[in-house]
């Protein structure tokens, strides 16, 4: 019985010692190219996001719903990308004056 419990205990302790993924925040600036209301995503043509990615056009989830509701196609925005592992979303959206 001891030989079964020791490996099981080692696995449990190893799982407990794993750290939660690190959440990082990056400023984003760009232009809203398209919106998907059903998915709550915005396609944003953005400048380089320092220490994360080059300038490109890509789709971002926008959270919470109130932040998504602010957006219109053609808006120039500033905001924050919150990234954790392969998951990310845009929040703290500010619309630049036209």
PDB file of N, CA and C in Angstrom:
ATOM      1  N   UNK A   1       0.830  -1.196   0.000  1.00  0.00           N
ATOM      2  CA  UNK A   1       0.000   0.000   0.000  1.00  0.00           C
ATOM      3  C   UNK A   1       0.869   1.253   0.000  1.00  0.00           C
ATOM      4  N   UNK A   2       1.972   1.216   0.744  1.00  0.00           N
ATOM      5  CA  UNK A   2       2.864   2.372   0.835  1.00  0.00           C
ATOM      6  C   UNK A   2       3.413   2.747  -0.547  1.00  0.00           C
ATOM      7  N   UNK A   3       3.691   1.736  -1.382  1.00  0.00           N
ATOM      8  CA  UNK A   3       4.279   1.981  -2.698  1.00  0.00           C
ATOM      9  C   UNK A   3       3.275   2.631  -3.659  1.00  0.00           C
ATOM     10  N   UNK A   4       2.008   2.518  -3.376  1.00  0.00           N
ATOM     11  CA  UNK A   4       0.970   3.167  -4.183  1.00  0.00           C
ATOM     12  C   UNK A   4       0.746   4.592  -3.692  1.00  0.00           C
ATOM     13  N   UNK A   5       0.750   4.809  -2.412  1.00  0.00           N
ATOM     14  CA  UNK A   5       0.466   6.119  -1.842  1.00  0.00           C
ATOM     15  C   UNK A   5       1.595   7.125  -2.079  1.00  0.00           C
ATOM     16  N   UNK A   6       2.820   6.684  -2.014  1.00  0.00           N
ATOM     17  CA  UNK A   6       3.933   7.618  -2.191  1.00  0.00           C
ATOM     18  C   UNK A   6       3.939   8.270  -3.579  1.00  0.00           C
ATOM     19  N   UNK A   7       3.806   7.522  -4.681  1.00  0.00           N
ATOM     20  CA  UNK A   7       3.748   8.187  -5.993  1.00  0.00           C
ATOM     21  C   UNK A   7       2.525   9.099  -6.125  1.00  0.00           C
ATOM     22  N   UNK A   8       1.396   8.677  -5.563  1.00  0.00           N
ATOM     23  CA  UNK A   8       0.196   9.510  -5.625  1.00  0.00           C
ATOM     24  C   UNK A   8       0.415  10.815  -4.865  1.00  0.00           C
ATOM     25  N   UNK A   9       1.031  10.726  -3.702  1.00  0.00           N
ATOM     26  CA  UNK A   9       1.323  11.916  -2.908  1.00  0.00           C
ATOM     27  C   UNK A   9       2.290  12.835  -3.650  1.00  0.00           C
ATOM     28  N   UNK A  10       3.278  12.271  -4.302  1.00  0.00           N
ATOM     29  CA  UNK A  10       4.241  13.074  -5.067  1.00  0.00           C
ATOM     30  C   UNK A  10       3.541  13.826  -6.198  1.00  0.00           C
ATOM     31  N   UNK A  11       2.606  13.179  -6.885  1.00  0.00           N
ATOM     32  CA  UNK A  11       1.856  13.845  -7.962  1.00  0.00           C
ATOM     33  C   UNK A  11       0.990  14.975  -7.426  1.00  0.00           C
ATOM     34  N   UNK A  12       0.347  14.759  -6.303  1.00  0.00           N
ATOM     35  CA  UNK A  12      -0.498  15.800  -5.699  1.00  0.00           C
ATOM     36  C   UNK A  12       0.349  16.998  -5.297  1.00  0.00           C
ATOM     37  N   UNK A  13       1.485  16.760  -4.666  1.00  0.00           N
ATOM     38  CA  UNK A  13       2.360  17.864  -4.256  1.00  0.00           C
ATOM     39  C   UNK A  13       2.907  18.621  -5.464  1.00  0.00           C
ATOM     40  N   UNK A  14       3.234  17.933  -6.526  1.00  0.00           N
ATOM     41  CA  UNK A  14       3.737  18.587  -7.734  1.00  0.00           C
ATOM     42  C   UNK A  14       2.663  19.476  -8.343  1.00  0.00           C
ATOM     43  N   UNK A  15       1.429  19.001  -8.368  1.00  0.00           N
ATOM     44  CA  UNK A  15       0.332  19.795  -8.919  1.00  0.00           C
ATOM     45  C   UNK A  15       0.077  21.038  -8.080  1.00  0.00           C
ATOM     46  N   UNK A  16       0.199  20.926  -6.775  1.00  0.00           N
ATOM     47  CA  UNK A  16      -0.028  22.072  -5.888  1.00  0.00           C
ATOM     48  C   UNK A  16       1.063  23.121  -6.018  1.00  0.00           C
ATOM     49  N   UNK A  17       2.248  22.713  -6.384  1.00  0.00           N
ATOM     50  CA  UNK A  17       3.351  23.667  -6.455  1.00  0.00           C
ATOM     51  C   UNK A  17       3.393  24.434  -7.773  1.00  0.00           C
ATOM     52  N   UNK A  18       2.573  24.012  -8.774  1.00  0.00           N
ATOM     53  CA  UNK A  18       2.546  24.745 -10.037  1.00  0.00           C
ATOM     54  C   UNK A  18       1.954  26.125  -9.808  1.00  0.00           C
ATOM     55  N   UNK A  19       2.578  27.121 -10.421  1.00  0.00           N
ATOM     56  CA  UNK A  19       2.096  28.487 -10.265  1.00  0.00           C
ATOM     57  C   UNK A  19       1.030  28.782 -11.309  1.00  0.00           C
ATOM     58  N   UNK A  20       0.119  29.669 -10.953  1.00  0.00           N
ATOM     59  CA  UNK A  20      -0.893  30.112 -11.899  1.00  0.00           C
ATOM     60  C   UNK A  20      -0.217  30.903 -13.021  1.00  0.00           C
ATOM     61  N   UNK A  21      -0.769  30.844 -14.229  1.00  0.00           N
ATOM     62  CA  UNK A  21      -0.179  31.609 -15.331  1.00  0.00           C
ATOM     63  C   UNK A  21      -0.136  33.098 -15.001  1.00  0.00           C
ATOM     64  N   UNK A  22       0.897  33.751 -15.463  1.00  0.00           N
ATOM     65  CA  UNK A  22       1.073  35.173 -15.219  1.00  0.00           C
ATOM     66  C   UNK A  22       0.167  35.983 -16.147  1.00  0.00           C
ATOM     67  N   UNK A  23      -0.506  36.956 -15.582  1.00  0.00           N
ATOM     68  CA  UNK A  23      -1.333  37.862 -16.370  1.00  0.00           C
ATOM     69  C   UNK A  23      -0.525  39.115 -16.652  1.00  0.00           C
ATOM     70  N   UNK A  24      -0.478  39.518 -17.924  1.00  0.00           N
ATOM     71  CA  UNK A  24       0.252  40.718 -18.321  1.00  0.00           C
ATOM     72  C   UNK A  24      -0.710  41.690 -18.975  1.00  0.00           C
ATOM     73  N   UNK A  25      -0.386  42.974 -18.870  1.00  0.00           N
ATOM     74  CA  UNK A  25      -1.215  44.040 -19.449  1.00  0.00           C
ATOM     75  C   UNK A  25      -0.343  44.886 -20.371  1.00  0.00           C
ATOM     76  N   UNK A  26      -0.881  45.173 -21.558  1.00  0.00           N
ATOM     77  CA  UNK A  26      -0.143  45.950 -22.558  1.00  0.00           C
ATOM     78  C   UNK A  26      -1.042  47.055 -23.096  1.00  0.00           C
ATOM     79  N   UNK A  27      -0.499  48.263 -23.284  1.00  0.00           N
ATOM     80  CA  UNK A  27      -1.287  49.306 -23.933  1.00  0.00           C
ATOM     81  C   UNK A  27      -1.450  48.992 -25.415  1.00  0.00           C
ATOM     82  N   UNK A  28      -2.626  49.318 -25.950  1.00  0.00           N
ATOM     83  CA  UNK A  28      -2.910  49.118 -27.375  1.00  0.00           C
ATOM     84  C   UNK A  28      -3.491  50.398 -27.953  1.00  0.00           C
ATOM     85  N   UNK A  29      -3.086  50.704 -29.173  1.00  0.00           N
ATOM     86  CA  UNK A  29      -3.645  51.823 -29.935  1.00  0.00           C
ATOM     87  C   UNK A  29      -3.964  51.305 -31.322  1.00  0.00           C
ATOM     88  N   UNK A  30      -5.114  51.682 -31.846  1.00  0.00           N
ATOM     89  CA  UNK A  30      -5.445  51.211 -33.179  1.00  0.00           C
ATOM     90  C   UNK A  30      -6.783  51.720 -33.666  1.00  0.00           C
ATOM     91  N   UNK A  31      -7.240  51.108 -34.768  1.00  0.00           N
ATOM     92  CA  UNK A  31      -8.498  51.486 -35.396  1.00  0.00           C
ATOM     93  C   UNK A  31      -9.397  50.256 -35.477  1.00  0.00           C
ATOM     94  N   UNK A  32     -10.669  50.446 -35.124  1.00  0.00           N
ATOM     95  CA  UNK A  32     -11.643  49.363 -35.190  1.00  0.00           C
ATOM     96  C   UNK A  32     -12.040  49.172 -36.654  1.00  0.00           C
ATOM     97  N   UNK A  33     -11.780  47.979 -37.186  1.00  0.00           N
ATOM     98  CA  UNK A  33     -12.063  47.677 -38.584  1.00  0.00           C
ATOM     99  C   UNK A  33     -13.388  46.927 -38.751  1.00  0.00           C
ATOM    100  N   UNK A  34     -13.777  46.132 -37.760  1.00  0.00           N
ATOM    101  CA  UNK A  34     -15.019  45.349 -37.809  1.00  0.00           C
ATOM    102  C   UNK A  34     -15.423  44.977 -36.395  1.00  0.00           C
ATOM    103  N   UNK A  35     -16.714  44.714 -36.225  1.00  0.00           N
ATOM    104  CA  UNK A  35     -17.253  44.300 -34.928  1.00  0.00           C
ATOM    105  C   UNK A  35     -18.133  43.074 -35.107  1.00  0.00           C
ATOM    106  N   UNK A  36     -18.076  42.152 -34.162  1.00  0.00           N
ATOM    107  CA  UNK A  36     -18.940  40.978 -34.147  1.00  0.00           C
ATOM    108  C   UNK A  36     -19.700  41.008 -32.824  1.00  0.00           C
ATOM    109  N   UNK A  37     -20.961  41.486 -32.877  1.00  0.00           N
ATOM    110  CA  UNK A  37     -21.746  41.658 -31.658  1.00  0.00           C
ATOM    111  C   UNK A  37     -22.057  40.328 -30.981  1.00  0.00           C
ATOM    112  N   UNK A  38     -22.263  39.271 -31.755  1.00  0.00           N
ATOM    113  CA  UNK A  38     -22.584  37.967 -31.160  1.00  0.00           C
ATOM    114  C   UNK A  38     -21.409  37.420 -30.363  1.00  0.00           C
ATOM    115  N   UNK A  39     -20.200  37.585 -30.891  1.00  0.00           N
ATOM    116  CA  UNK A  39     -19.006  37.062 -30.219  1.00  0.00           C
ATOM    117  C   UNK A  39     -18.356  38.089 -29.303  1.00  0.00           C
ATOM    118  N   UNK A  40     -18.817  39.338 -29.342  1.00  0.00           N
ATOM    119  CA  UNK A  40     -18.225  40.441 -28.561  1.00  0.00           C
ATOM    120  C   UNK A  40     -16.739  40.594 -28.884  1.00  0.00           C
ATOM    121  N   UNK A  41     -16.425  40.614 -30.204  1.00  0.00           N
ATOM    122  CA  UNK A  41     -15.047  40.793 -30.650  1.00  0.00           C
ATOM    123  C   UNK A  41     -14.953  42.002 -31.573  1.00  0.00           C
ATOM    124  N   UNK A  42     -13.768  42.595 -31.576  1.00  0.00           N
ATOM    125  CA  UNK A  42     -13.473  43.715 -32.461  1.00  0.00           C
ATOM    126  C   UNK A  42     -12.225  43.367 -33.259  1.00  0.00           C
ATOM    127  N   UNK A  43     -12.285  43.581 -34.560  1.00  0.00           N
ATOM    128  CA  UNK A  43     -11.090  43.454 -35.389  1.00  0.00           C
ATOM    129  C   UNK A  43     -10.410  44.810 -35.349  1.00  0.00           C
ATOM    130  N   UNK A  44      -9.186  44.822 -34.846  1.00  0.00           N
ATOM    131  CA  UNK A  44      -8.459  46.071 -34.621  1.00  0.00           C
ATOM    132  C   UNK A  44      -7.166  46.065 -35.418  1.00  0.00           C
ATOM    133  N   UNK A  45      -6.961  47.123 -36.183  1.00  0.00           N
ATOM    134  CA  UNK A  45      -5.681  47.350 -36.872  1.00  0.00           C
ATOM    135  C   UNK A  45      -4.845  48.148 -35.877  1.00  0.00           C
ATOM    136  N   UNK A  46      -3.875  47.470 -35.251  1.00  0.00           N
ATOM    137  CA  UNK A  46      -3.174  48.099 -34.126  1.00  0.00           C
ATOM    138  C   UNK A  46      -1.700  48.340 -34.425  1.00  0.00           C
ATOM    139  N   UNK A  47      -1.157  49.300 -33.702  1.00  0.00           N
ATOM    140  CA  UNK A  47       0.277  49.576 -33.737  1.00  0.00           C
ATOM    141  C   UNK A  47       1.003  48.441 -33.027  1.00  0.00           C
ATOM    142  N   UNK A  48       2.334  48.474 -33.066  1.00  0.00           N
ATOM    143  CA  UNK A  48       3.131  47.488 -32.337  1.00  0.00           C
ATOM    144  C   UNK A  48       2.751  47.543 -30.860  1.00  0.00           C
ATOM    145  N   UNK A  49       2.589  46.367 -30.270  1.00  0.00           N
ATOM    146  CA  UNK A  49       2.329  46.268 -28.836  1.00  0.00           C
ATOM    147  C   UNK A  49       3.655  45.848 -28.216  1.00  0.00           C
ATOM    148  N   UNK A  50       4.316  46.827 -27.584  1.00  0.00           N
ATOM    149  CA  UNK A  50       5.665  46.591 -27.052  1.00  0.00           C
ATOM    150  C   UNK A  50       5.731  45.332 -26.206  1.00  0.00           C
ATOM    151  N   UNK A  51       6.788  44.563 -26.409  1.00  0.00           N
ATOM    152  CA  UNK A  51       7.080  43.333 -25.664  1.00  0.00           C
ATOM    153  C   UNK A  51       6.037  42.232 -25.855  1.00  0.00           C
ATOM    154  N   UNK A  52       5.183  42.360 -26.931  1.00  0.00           N
ATOM    155  CA  UNK A  52       4.200  41.308 -27.131  1.00  0.00           C
ATOM    156  C   UNK A  52       4.029  40.942 -28.595  1.00  0.00           C
ATOM    157  N   UNK A  53       3.701  41.912 -29.479  1.00  0.00           N
ATOM    158  CA  UNK A  53       3.508  41.573 -30.888  1.00  0.00           C
ATOM    159  C   UNK A  53       3.710  42.785 -31.786  1.00  0.00           C
ATOM    160  N   UNK A  54       3.985  42.491 -33.034  1.00  0.00           N
ATOM    161  CA  UNK A  54       4.178  43.529 -34.047  1.00  0.00           C
ATOM    162  C   UNK A  54       2.834  44.122 -34.457  1.00  0.00           C
ATOM    163  N   UNK A  55       2.876  45.221 -35.196  1.00  0.00           N
ATOM    164  CA  UNK A  55       1.660  45.848 -35.713  1.00  0.00           C
ATOM    165  C   UNK A  55       0.974  44.890 -36.685  1.00  0.00           C
ATOM    166  N   UNK A  56      -0.343  44.788 -36.587  1.00  0.00           N
ATOM    167  CA  UNK A  56      -1.121  43.933 -37.482  1.00  0.00           C
ATOM    168  C   UNK A  56      -2.596  44.202 -37.272  1.00  0.00           C
ATOM    169  N   UNK A  57      -3.416  43.530 -38.049  1.00  0.00           N
ATOM    170  CA  UNK A  57      -4.859  43.582 -37.873  1.00  0.00           C
ATOM    171  C   UNK A  57      -5.308  42.217 -37.380  1.00  0.00           C
ATOM    172  N   UNK A  58      -6.006  42.210 -36.239  1.00  0.00           N
ATOM    173  CA  UNK A  58      -6.469  40.937 -35.691  1.00  0.00           C
ATOM    174  C   UNK A  58      -7.722  41.139 -34.845  1.00  0.00           C
ATOM    175  N   UNK A  59      -8.382  40.035 -34.565  1.00  0.00           N
ATOM    176  CA  UNK A  59      -9.616  40.055 -33.794  1.00  0.00           C
ATOM    177  C   UNK A  59      -9.311  39.890 -32.304  1.00  0.00           C
ATOM    178  N   UNK A  60      -9.928  40.729 -31.495  1.00  0.00           N
ATOM    179  CA  UNK A  60      -9.757  40.684 -30.043  1.00  0.00           C
ATOM    180  C   UNK A  60     -11.120  40.561 -29.371  1.00  0.00           C
ATOM    181  N   UNK A  61     -11.273  39.672 -28.408  1.00  0.00           N
ATOM    182  CA  UNK A  61     -12.445  39.752 -27.539  1.00  0.00           C
ATOM    183  C   UNK A  61     -12.372  41.080 -26.765  1.00  0.00           C
ATOM    184  N   UNK A  62     -13.528  41.660 -26.474  1.00  0.00           N
ATOM    185  CA  UNK A  62     -13.572  42.914 -25.720  1.00  0.00           C
ATOM    186  C   UNK A  62     -14.420  42.656 -24.474  1.00  0.00           C
ATOM    187  N   UNK A  63     -13.868  42.982 -23.300  1.00  0.00           N
ATOM    188  CA  UNK A  63     -14.554  42.754 -22.025  1.00  0.00           C
ATOM    189  C   UNK A  63     -14.452  43.994 -21.159  1.00  0.00           C
ATOM    190  N   UNK A  64     -15.409  44.210 -20.301  1.00  0.00           N
ATOM    191  CA  UNK A  64     -16.725  43.607 -20.224  1.00  0.00           C
ATOM    192  C   UNK A  64     -17.631  44.119 -21.346  1.00  0.00           C
ATOM    193  N   UNK A  65     -18.889  43.697 -21.338  1.00  0.00           N
ATOM    194  CA  UNK A  65     -19.819  44.076 -22.400  1.00  0.00           C
ATOM    195  C   UNK A  65     -19.921  45.586 -22.584  1.00  0.00           C
ATOM    196  N   UNK A  66     -19.846  46.328 -21.491  1.00  0.00           N
ATOM    197  CA  UNK A  66     -19.937  47.793 -21.576  1.00  0.00           C
ATOM    198  C   UNK A  66     -18.821  48.393 -22.418  1.00  0.00           C
ATOM    199  N   UNK A  67     -17.649  47.802 -22.361  1.00  0.00           N
ATOM    200  CA  UNK A  67     -16.526  48.275 -23.173  1.00  0.00           C
ATOM    201  C   UNK A  67     -16.795  47.996 -24.657  1.00  0.00           C
ATOM    202  N   UNK A  68     -17.355  46.828 -24.961  1.00  0.00           N
ATOM    203  CA  UNK A  68     -17.673  46.492 -26.352  1.00  0.00           C
ATOM    204  C   UNK A  68     -18.709  47.453 -26.911  1.00  0.00           C
ATOM    205  N   UNK A  69     -19.702  47.798 -26.108  1.00  0.00           N
ATOM    206  CA  UNK A  69     -20.795  48.658 -26.576  1.00  0.00           C
ATOM    207  C   UNK A  69     -20.324  50.055 -26.948  1.00  0.00           C
ATOM    208  N   UNK A  70     -19.170  50.492 -26.474  1.00  0.00           N
ATOM    209  CA  UNK A  70     -18.618  51.812 -26.807  1.00  0.00           C
ATOM    210  C   UNK A  70     -18.141  51.891 -28.254  1.00  0.00           C
ATOM    211  N   UNK A  71     -17.829  50.737 -28.853  1.00  0.00           N
ATOM    212  CA  UNK A  71     -17.090  50.714 -30.113  1.00  0.00           C
ATOM    213  C   UNK A  71     -17.970  50.836 -31.352  1.00  0.00           C
ATOM    214  N   UNK A  72     -17.412  51.513 -32.362  1.00  0.00           N
ATOM    215  CA  UNK A  72     -18.012  51.614 -33.690  1.00  0.00           C
ATOM    216  C   UNK A  72     -16.903  51.420 -34.723  1.00  0.00           C
ATOM    217  N   UNK A  73     -17.259  50.849 -35.865  1.00  0.00           N
ATOM    218  CA  UNK A  73     -16.278  50.688 -36.935  1.00  0.00           C
ATOM    219  C   UNK A  73     -15.736  52.063 -37.300  1.00  0.00           C
ATOM    220  N   UNK A  74     -14.423  52.165 -37.430  1.00  0.00           N
ATOM    221  CA  UNK A  74     -13.767  53.424 -37.763  1.00  0.00           C
ATOM    222  C   UNK A  74     -13.226  54.177 -36.560  1.00  0.00           C
ATOM    223  N   UNK A  75     -13.632  53.779 -35.346  1.00  0.00           N
ATOM    224  CA  UNK A  75     -13.124  54.446 -34.140  1.00  0.00           C
ATOM    225  C   UNK A  75     -11.625  54.236 -34.007  1.00  0.00           C
ATOM    226  N   UNK A  76     -10.907  55.289 -33.625  1.00  0.00           N
ATOM    227  CA  UNK A  76      -9.508  55.177 -33.201  1.00  0.00           C
ATOM    228  C   UNK A  76      -9.576  54.996 -31.690  1.00  0.00           C
ATOM    229  N   UNK A  77      -8.873  53.985 -31.206  1.00  0.00           N
ATOM    230  CA  UNK A  77      -8.991  53.670 -29.783  1.00  0.00           C
ATOM    231  C   UNK A  77      -7.629  53.565 -29.108  1.00  0.00           C
ATOM    232  N   UNK A  78      -7.676  53.686 -27.805  1.00  0.00           N
ATOM    233  CA  UNK A  78      -6.589  53.316 -26.908  1.00  0.00           C
ATOM    234  C   UNK A  78      -7.223  52.419 -25.866  1.00  0.00           C
ATOM    235  N   UNK A  79      -6.460  51.455 -25.379  1.00  0.00           N
ATOM    236  CA  UNK A  79      -6.993  50.554 -24.381  1.00  0.00           C
ATOM    237  C   UNK A  79      -5.891  49.702 -23.795  1.00  0.00           C
ATOM    238  N   UNK A  80      -6.292  48.616 -23.181  1.00  0.00           N
ATOM    239  CA  UNK A  80      -5.361  47.686 -22.547  1.00  0.00           C
ATOM    240  C   UNK A  80      -5.667  46.282 -23.033  1.00  0.00           C
ATOM    241  N   UNK A  81      -4.607  45.561 -23.427  1.00  0.00           N
ATOM    242  CA  UNK A  81      -4.742  44.138 -23.722  1.00  0.00           C
ATOM    243  C   UNK A  81      -4.323  43.388 -22.464  1.00  0.00           C
ATOM    244  N   UNK A  82      -5.190  42.500 -21.996  1.00  0.00           N
ATOM    245  CA  UNK A  82      -4.874  41.634 -20.872  1.00  0.00           C
ATOM    246  C   UNK A  82      -4.579  40.252 -21.462  1.00  0.00           C
ATOM    247  N   UNK A  83      -3.372  39.742 -21.204  1.00  0.00           N
ATOM    248  CA  UNK A  83      -2.948  38.467 -21.786  1.00  0.00           C
ATOM    249  C   UNK A  83      -2.539  37.492 -20.686  1.00  0.00           C
ATOM    250  N   UNK A  84      -3.014  36.268 -20.821  1.00  0.00           N
ATOM    251  CA  UNK A  84      -2.644  35.192 -19.897  1.00  0.00           C
ATOM    252  C   UNK A  84      -2.490  33.933 -20.742  1.00  0.00           C
ATOM    253  N   UNK A  85      -1.248  33.466 -20.853  1.00  0.00           N
ATOM    254  CA  UNK A  85      -0.933  32.351 -21.740  1.00  0.00           C
ATOM    255  C   UNK A  85      -1.402  32.687 -23.151  1.00  0.00           C
ATOM    256  N   UNK A  86      -2.262  31.866 -23.736  1.00  0.00           N
ATOM    257  CA  UNK A  86      -2.738  32.105 -25.101  1.00  0.00           C
ATOM    258  C   UNK A  86      -4.071  32.844 -25.134  1.00  0.00           C
ATOM    259  N   UNK A  87      -4.608  33.185 -23.973  1.00  0.00           N
ATOM    260  CA  UNK A  87      -5.873  33.924 -23.906  1.00  0.00           C
ATOM    261  C   UNK A  87      -5.586  35.405 -23.744  1.00  0.00           C
ATOM    262  N   UNK A  88      -6.419  36.231 -24.376  1.00  0.00           N
ATOM    263  CA  UNK A  88      -6.239  37.681 -24.294  1.00  0.00           C
ATOM    264  C   UNK A  88      -7.569  38.367 -24.578  1.00  0.00           C
ATOM    265  N   UNK A  89      -7.672  39.616 -24.128  1.00  0.00           N
ATOM    266  CA  UNK A  89      -8.835  40.440 -24.444  1.00  0.00           C
ATOM    267  C   UNK A  89      -8.456  41.903 -24.282  1.00  0.00           C
ATOM    268  N   UNK A  90      -9.285  42.783 -24.847  1.00  0.00           N
ATOM    269  CA  UNK A  90      -9.087  44.229 -24.745  1.00  0.00           C
ATOM    270  C   UNK A  90     -10.087  44.771 -23.736  1.00  0.00           C
ATOM    271  N   UNK A  91      -9.629  45.726 -22.921  1.00  0.00           N
ATOM    272  CA  UNK A  91     -10.482  46.376 -21.933  1.00  0.00           C
ATOM    273  C   UNK A  91     -10.014  47.824 -21.756  1.00  0.00           C
ATOM    274  N   UNK A  92     -10.656  48.569 -20.883  1.00  0.00           N
ATOM    275  CA  UNK A  92     -10.298  49.972 -20.593  1.00  0.00           C
ATOM    276  C   UNK A  92     -10.222  50.804 -21.869  1.00  0.00           C
ATOM    277  N   UNK A  93     -11.232  50.672 -22.718  1.00  0.00           N
ATOM    278  CA  UNK A  93     -11.245  51.321 -24.032  1.00  0.00           C
ATOM    279  C   UNK A  93     -11.560  52.799 -23.909  1.00  0.00           C
ATOM    280  N   UNK A  94     -10.754  53.606 -24.611  1.00  0.00           N
ATOM    281  CA  UNK A  94     -10.999  55.040 -24.735  1.00  0.00           C
ATOM    282  C   UNK A  94     -11.045  55.368 -26.221  1.00  0.00           C
ATOM    283  N   UNK A  95     -12.089  56.071 -26.633  1.00  0.00           N
ATOM    284  CA  UNK A  95     -12.246  56.450 -28.031  1.00  0.00           C
ATOM    285  C   UNK A  95     -11.534  57.784 -28.228  1.00  0.00           C
ATOM    286  N   UNK A  96     -10.646  57.842 -29.232  1.00  0.00           N
ATOM    287  CA  UNK A  96      -9.941  59.091 -29.551  1.00  0.00           C
ATOM    288  C   UNK A  96     -10.894  60.037 -30.283  1.00  0.00           C
ATOM    289  N   UNK A  97     -10.801  61.342 -29.984  1.00  0.00           N
ATOM    290  CA  UNK A  97     -11.656  62.291 -30.701  1.00  0.00           C
ATOM    291  C   UNK A  97     -11.316  62.286 -32.188  1.00  0.00           C
ATOM    292  N   UNK A  98     -12.328  62.522 -33.009  1.00  0.00           N
ATOM    293  CA  UNK A  98     -12.134  62.551 -34.464  1.00  0.00           C
ATOM    294  C   UNK A  98     -11.700  63.896 -34.927  1.00  0.00           C
TER     295      UNK A  98
END
